[in-house]
């Protein structure tokens, strides 16, 4: 009797795995808007991770990008300029 219970367990396990994989393999219908949203999210995540990797490998480039941003916003060495004006 124990052999039949074990066999029934393994057969039901295999049937469950096959049914689960079949359900996961079924393509999900998406609209064009959902597709575009998913593509833009994945592209932004990939570019963010590449920027972080680039900052770790080349810290000088990260510093220069920060300085360029400060120059555009007019914040570069603002404290030094304020002290010189006094």
C-alpha atoms as a PDB file:
ATOM      1  CA  UNK A   1       0.000   0.000   0.000  1.00  0.00           C
ATOM      2  CA  UNK A   2       2.850   2.418   0.797  1.00  0.00           C
ATOM      3  CA  UNK A   3       4.293   1.862  -2.660  1.00  0.00           C
ATOM      4  CA  UNK A   4       1.036   2.992  -4.267  1.00  0.00           C
ATOM      5  CA  UNK A   5       0.878   6.120  -2.112  1.00  0.00           C
ATOM      6  CA  UNK A   6       4.462   7.047  -3.038  1.00  0.00           C
ATOM      7  CA  UNK A   7       3.813   6.371  -6.707  1.00  0.00           C
ATOM      8  CA  UNK A   8       0.623   8.455  -6.600  1.00  0.00           C
ATOM      9  CA  UNK A   9       2.554  11.306  -4.943  1.00  0.00           C
ATOM     10  CA  UNK A  10       5.272  11.335  -7.620  1.00  0.00           C
ATOM     11  CA  UNK A  11       2.773  11.077 -10.480  1.00  0.00           C
ATOM     12  CA  UNK A  12       0.733  13.971  -9.072  1.00  0.00           C
ATOM     13  CA  UNK A  13       3.942  15.962  -8.574  1.00  0.00           C
ATOM     14  CA  UNK A  14       4.980  15.431 -12.198  1.00  0.00           C
ATOM     15  CA  UNK A  15       1.483  16.285 -13.459  1.00  0.00           C
ATOM     16  CA  UNK A  16       1.506  19.461 -11.331  1.00  0.00           C
ATOM     17  CA  UNK A  17       4.897  20.507 -12.684  1.00  0.00           C
ATOM     18  CA  UNK A  18       3.801  19.934 -16.278  1.00  0.00           C
ATOM     19  CA  UNK A  19       0.561  21.868 -15.780  1.00  0.00           C
ATOM     20  CA  UNK A  20       2.395  24.714 -14.043  1.00  0.00           C
ATOM     21  CA  UNK A  21       4.979  24.994 -16.806  1.00  0.00           C
ATOM     22  CA  UNK A  22       2.237  24.941 -19.419  1.00  0.00           C
ATOM     23  CA  UNK A  23       0.436  27.790 -17.631  1.00  0.00           C
ATOM     24  CA  UNK A  24       3.661  29.808 -17.391  1.00  0.00           C
ATOM     25  CA  UNK A  25       4.520  29.250 -21.053  1.00  0.00           C
ATOM     26  CA  UNK A  26       1.179  30.612 -22.263  1.00  0.00           C
ATOM     27  CA  UNK A  27       1.782  34.075 -23.803  1.00  0.00           C
ATOM     28  CA  UNK A  28       0.108  36.958 -22.031  1.00  0.00           C
ATOM     29  CA  UNK A  29      -1.793  39.407 -24.202  1.00  0.00           C
ATOM     30  CA  UNK A  30      -0.487  42.943 -23.792  1.00  0.00           C
ATOM     31  CA  UNK A  31      -1.445  46.197 -25.393  1.00  0.00           C
ATOM     32  CA  UNK A  32       0.970  48.439 -27.232  1.00  0.00           C
ATOM     33  CA  UNK A  33       1.012  50.893 -24.330  1.00  0.00           C
ATOM     34  CA  UNK A  34       1.962  48.178 -21.821  1.00  0.00           C
ATOM     35  CA  UNK A  35       4.723  46.969 -24.119  1.00  0.00           C
ATOM     36  CA  UNK A  36       6.176  50.468 -24.517  1.00  0.00           C
ATOM     37  CA  UNK A  37       6.028  51.022 -20.751  1.00  0.00           C
ATOM     38  CA  UNK A  38       7.885  47.769 -20.051  1.00  0.00           C
ATOM     39  CA  UNK A  39      10.544  48.563 -22.647  1.00  0.00           C
ATOM     40  CA  UNK A  40      11.161  52.041 -21.260  1.00  0.00           C
ATOM     41  CA  UNK A  41      11.412  50.710 -17.688  1.00  0.00           C
ATOM     42  CA  UNK A  42      13.919  48.038 -18.621  1.00  0.00           C
ATOM     43  CA  UNK A  43      15.993  50.498 -20.652  1.00  0.00           C
ATOM     44  CA  UNK A  44      16.128  52.994 -17.789  1.00  0.00           C
ATOM     45  CA  UNK A  45      17.146  50.273 -15.307  1.00  0.00           C
ATOM     46  CA  UNK A  46      19.905  49.083 -17.620  1.00  0.00           C
ATOM     47  CA  UNK A  47      21.253  52.582 -18.199  1.00  0.00           C
ATOM     48  CA  UNK A  48      21.201  53.300 -14.454  1.00  0.00           C
ATOM     49  CA  UNK A  49      23.166  50.166 -13.700  1.00  0.00           C
ATOM     50  CA  UNK A  50      25.669  50.941 -16.465  1.00  0.00           C
ATOM     51  CA  UNK A  51      26.133  54.476 -15.066  1.00  0.00           C
ATOM     52  CA  UNK A  52      26.783  53.084 -11.590  1.00  0.00           C
ATOM     53  CA  UNK A  53      29.310  50.604 -12.978  1.00  0.00           C
ATOM     54  CA  UNK A  54      31.022  53.353 -14.958  1.00  0.00           C
ATOM     55  CA  UNK A  55      31.257  55.562 -11.841  1.00  0.00           C
ATOM     56  CA  UNK A  56      32.949  52.732  -9.933  1.00  0.00           C
ATOM     57  CA  UNK A  57      35.430  52.033 -12.718  1.00  0.00           C
ATOM     58  CA  UNK A  58      36.121  55.655 -13.675  1.00  0.00           C
ATOM     59  CA  UNK A  59      35.593  58.045 -10.735  1.00  0.00           C
ATOM     60  CA  UNK A  60      37.120  60.978 -12.647  1.00  0.00           C
ATOM     61  CA  UNK A  61      34.324  60.872 -15.201  1.00  0.00           C
ATOM     62  CA  UNK A  62      31.736  60.911 -12.425  1.00  0.00           C
ATOM     63  CA  UNK A  63      33.370  63.963 -10.843  1.00  0.00           C
ATOM     64  CA  UNK A  64      33.534  65.777 -14.179  1.00  0.00           C
ATOM     65  CA  UNK A  65      29.858  65.057 -14.834  1.00  0.00           C
ATOM     66  CA  UNK A  66      29.017  66.488 -11.393  1.00  0.00           C
ATOM     67  CA  UNK A  67      31.082  69.623 -12.088  1.00  0.00           C
ATOM     68  CA  UNK A  68      29.374  70.091 -15.460  1.00  0.00           C
ATOM     69  CA  UNK A  69      25.975  69.829 -13.779  1.00  0.00           C
ATOM     70  CA  UNK A  70      27.006  72.392 -11.157  1.00  0.00           C
ATOM     71  CA  UNK A  71      28.271  74.765 -13.858  1.00  0.00           C
ATOM     72  CA  UNK A  72      24.976  74.549 -15.726  1.00  0.00           C
ATOM     73  CA  UNK A  73      23.052  75.285 -12.544  1.00  0.00           C
ATOM     74  CA  UNK A  74      25.428  78.045 -11.452  1.00  0.00           C
ATOM     75  CA  UNK A  75      26.437  76.383  -8.173  1.00  0.00           C
ATOM     76  CA  UNK A  76      30.105  75.637  -8.949  1.00  0.00           C
ATOM     77  CA  UNK A  77      32.425  77.022  -6.229  1.00  0.00           C
ATOM     78  CA  UNK A  78      29.688  79.343  -5.024  1.00  0.00           C
ATOM     79  CA  UNK A  79      31.077  79.466  -1.472  1.00  0.00           C
ATOM     80  CA  UNK A  80      34.523  80.513  -2.690  1.00  0.00           C
ATOM     81  CA  UNK A  81      33.038  83.281  -4.820  1.00  0.00           C
ATOM     82  CA  UNK A  82      30.910  84.523  -1.896  1.00  0.00           C
ATOM     83  CA  UNK A  83      33.958  84.657   0.387  1.00  0.00           C
ATOM     84  CA  UNK A  84      35.983  86.574  -2.211  1.00  0.00           C
ATOM     85  CA  UNK A  85      33.184  89.098  -2.626  1.00  0.00           C
ATOM     86  CA  UNK A  86      33.241  89.903   1.103  1.00  0.00           C
END
